[in-house]
Amino acid sequence: MSQVAIERIEPTSLAKVGEFLRQEWATFDRELLGEDGPVRWEKKRHLLRAVVNGQTVAVADFYVLGGVAHLSEIVVGQRWRNRGIGAQLMAHFEETARAAGCHKLSLRTVKTSPAVRFYRRLGYEVEGKLVNHYHGLTFLQFCKFL
């Protein structure tokens, strides 16, 4: 076998490896799921914003991939918290996920965050713990099945 050289490429140069990845992932998916397996790996990003008098007061950012809607972030402006805006955004998140054919919702938050109570109140359950994760903090992975 020839000497293998490892090269670092910039994400902006994805064209150099894009076709290789598409072909190889398709092969792997067929091996794992069969020829007729339900393979849809297109990630679709969604943004929701709450507006009061033309001003953005909250945002939810999520994506749908493979039947799962993952909430990347939800931020309610400090002045607008505890007014039900977060719950309204979450309801729209779930509605969008259902319309997209999702079977599961997912999100993660810091274990010590007040958001833990909020997500539990909305019916989300802990499905995992990420110990010493980002910035050395412990995160909880939540899910809710639709």
Protein backbone atom coordinates (compact mmCIF):
# COMPACT_ATOMS: atom_id res chain seq x y z
CA MET A 1 0.00 0.00 0.00
CA SER A 2 1.20 3.51 -0.79
CA GLN A 3 2.01 6.04 1.88
CA VAL A 4 -1.19 7.80 2.99
CA ALA A 5 -1.04 11.58 3.26
CA ILE A 6 -3.53 13.37 5.47
CA GLU A 7 -4.50 16.85 4.33
CA ARG A 8 -6.42 19.49 6.22
CA ILE A 9 -8.94 21.33 4.07
CA GLU A 10 -11.12 24.30 4.86
CA PRO A 11 -14.88 23.74 5.19
CA THR A 12 -15.29 26.17 2.29
CA SER A 13 -13.52 23.58 0.12
CA LEU A 14 -16.21 20.95 0.64
CA ALA A 15 -16.45 20.46 -3.13
CA LYS A 16 -13.16 18.56 -2.95
CA VAL A 17 -14.71 15.84 -0.80
CA GLY A 18 -18.47 16.35 -1.29
CA GLU A 19 -18.97 13.73 -3.99
CA PHE A 20 -16.90 11.17 -2.05
CA LEU A 21 -19.04 11.73 1.07
CA ARG A 22 -22.33 11.48 -0.85
CA GLN A 23 -21.32 8.21 -2.51
CA GLU A 24 -19.86 6.57 0.57
CA TRP A 25 -22.72 7.57 2.90
CA ALA A 26 -25.23 6.25 0.36
CA THR A 27 -23.34 2.93 0.28
CA PHE A 28 -23.24 2.76 4.08
CA ASP A 29 -26.97 3.59 4.36
CA ARG A 30 -27.83 0.79 1.90
CA GLU A 31 -25.67 -1.65 3.89
CA LEU A 32 -27.28 -0.64 7.17
CA LEU A 33 -30.89 -0.04 6.13
CA GLY A 34 -31.27 -2.09 2.96
CA GLU A 35 -31.97 -0.95 -0.58
CA ASP A 36 -35.38 0.47 0.32
CA GLY A 37 -34.40 2.02 3.65
CA PRO A 38 -35.89 5.40 4.53
CA VAL A 39 -32.76 7.51 4.08
CA ARG A 40 -33.29 11.26 4.15
CA TRP A 41 -30.24 13.03 5.48
CA GLU A 42 -31.08 16.53 4.35
CA LYS A 43 -30.83 18.94 7.26
CA LYS A 44 -33.41 21.72 7.08
CA ARG A 45 -32.92 24.71 9.35
CA HIS A 46 -35.85 26.64 10.82
CA LEU A 47 -35.92 29.95 12.66
CA LEU A 48 -38.85 31.28 14.64
CA ARG A 49 -39.01 34.69 16.23
CA ALA A 50 -41.43 36.33 18.61
CA VAL A 51 -42.14 39.97 17.80
CA VAL A 52 -43.69 42.70 19.94
CA ASN A 53 -44.29 46.09 18.30
CA GLY A 54 -41.91 45.20 15.49
CA GLN A 55 -39.12 44.26 17.91
CA THR A 56 -37.66 40.74 18.17
CA VAL A 57 -38.09 39.58 21.76
CA ALA A 58 -37.30 35.86 21.38
CA VAL A 59 -35.86 33.40 18.86
CA ALA A 60 -35.92 29.64 18.42
CA ASP A 61 -33.39 28.04 16.07
CA PHE A 62 -33.78 24.36 15.16
CA TYR A 63 -33.22 21.86 12.41
CA VAL A 64 -35.01 18.80 11.13
CA LEU A 65 -32.94 15.78 10.15
CA GLY A 66 -33.95 12.16 9.72
CA GLY A 67 -37.31 12.54 11.45
CA VAL A 68 -35.89 14.38 14.47
CA ALA A 69 -36.32 18.08 15.16
CA HIS A 70 -33.42 19.34 17.27
CA LEU A 71 -33.75 22.67 19.07
CA SER A 72 -30.31 24.26 18.83
CA GLU A 73 -31.24 27.32 20.83
CA ILE A 74 -34.14 29.25 22.25
CA VAL A 75 -33.54 32.70 23.69
CA VAL A 76 -36.12 34.98 25.24
CA GLY A 77 -34.97 38.52 25.92
CA GLN A 78 -34.42 39.18 29.61
CA ARG A 79 -37.22 41.78 29.79
CA TRP A 80 -39.67 39.36 28.19
CA ARG A 81 -39.14 36.24 30.29
CA ASN A 82 -41.90 34.59 32.34
CA ARG A 83 -44.65 35.87 30.04
CA GLY A 84 -45.32 32.61 28.16
CA ILE A 85 -43.34 33.60 25.08
CA GLY A 86 -40.94 30.65 25.40
CA ALA A 87 -43.88 28.25 25.68
CA GLN A 88 -45.43 29.79 22.55
CA LEU A 89 -42.16 29.32 20.64
CA MET A 90 -41.93 25.72 21.84
CA ALA A 91 -45.51 25.08 20.68
CA HIS A 92 -44.61 26.39 17.21
CA PHE A 93 -41.41 24.30 17.26
CA GLU A 94 -43.48 21.18 17.95
CA GLU A 95 -46.09 22.14 15.35
CA THR A 96 -43.41 22.67 12.69
CA ALA A 97 -41.82 19.32 13.58
CA ARG A 98 -45.15 17.50 13.27
CA ALA A 99 -45.83 19.14 9.90
CA ALA A 100 -42.37 18.00 8.75
CA GLY A 101 -43.20 14.39 9.70
CA CYS A 102 -40.90 14.19 12.71
CA HIS A 103 -41.33 11.42 15.27
CA LYS A 104 -39.05 12.94 17.93
CA LEU A 105 -37.97 16.28 19.37
CA SER A 106 -34.59 16.81 21.00
CA LEU A 107 -32.68 19.53 22.81
CA ARG A 108 -29.98 19.93 25.43
CA THR A 109 -29.35 22.37 28.20
CA VAL A 110 -26.98 22.85 31.11
CA LYS A 111 -27.97 20.63 34.04
CA THR A 112 -28.17 23.59 36.45
CA SER A 113 -30.22 25.84 34.13
CA PRO A 114 -33.69 27.02 35.17
CA ALA A 115 -34.74 25.81 31.70
CA VAL A 116 -34.67 22.22 33.01
CA ARG A 117 -37.96 22.83 34.88
CA PHE A 118 -39.43 24.56 31.84
CA TYR A 119 -38.69 21.63 29.50
CA ARG A 120 -39.95 19.05 32.00
CA ARG A 121 -43.18 21.04 32.38
CA LEU A 122 -43.62 20.83 28.59
CA GLY A 123 -43.32 17.04 28.67
CA TYR A 124 -39.66 16.57 27.76
CA GLU A 125 -37.74 13.75 29.43
CA VAL A 126 -34.03 13.32 30.05
CA GLU A 127 -32.57 10.71 27.74
CA GLY A 128 -28.92 11.28 28.48
CA LYS A 129 -26.28 13.22 30.33
CA LEU A 130 -23.19 14.82 28.78
CA VAL A 131 -20.67 15.05 31.62
CA ASN A 132 -17.88 17.63 31.51
CA HIS A 133 -19.07 18.74 28.07
CA TYR A 134 -18.92 22.26 26.61
CA HIS A 135 -16.87 24.53 28.88
CA GLY A 136 -16.59 21.63 31.35
CA LEU A 137 -20.31 21.78 32.22
CA THR A 138 -22.73 18.88 32.49
CA PHE A 139 -25.59 19.01 29.97
CA LEU A 140 -28.85 17.08 29.93
CA GLN A 141 -30.14 15.72 26.64
CA PHE A 142 -33.94 15.93 26.52
CA CYS A 143 -36.43 14.36 24.14
CA LYS A 144 -40.13 14.20 23.50
CA PHE A 145 -41.80 11.73 21.16
CA LEU A 146 -44.58 12.93 18.91
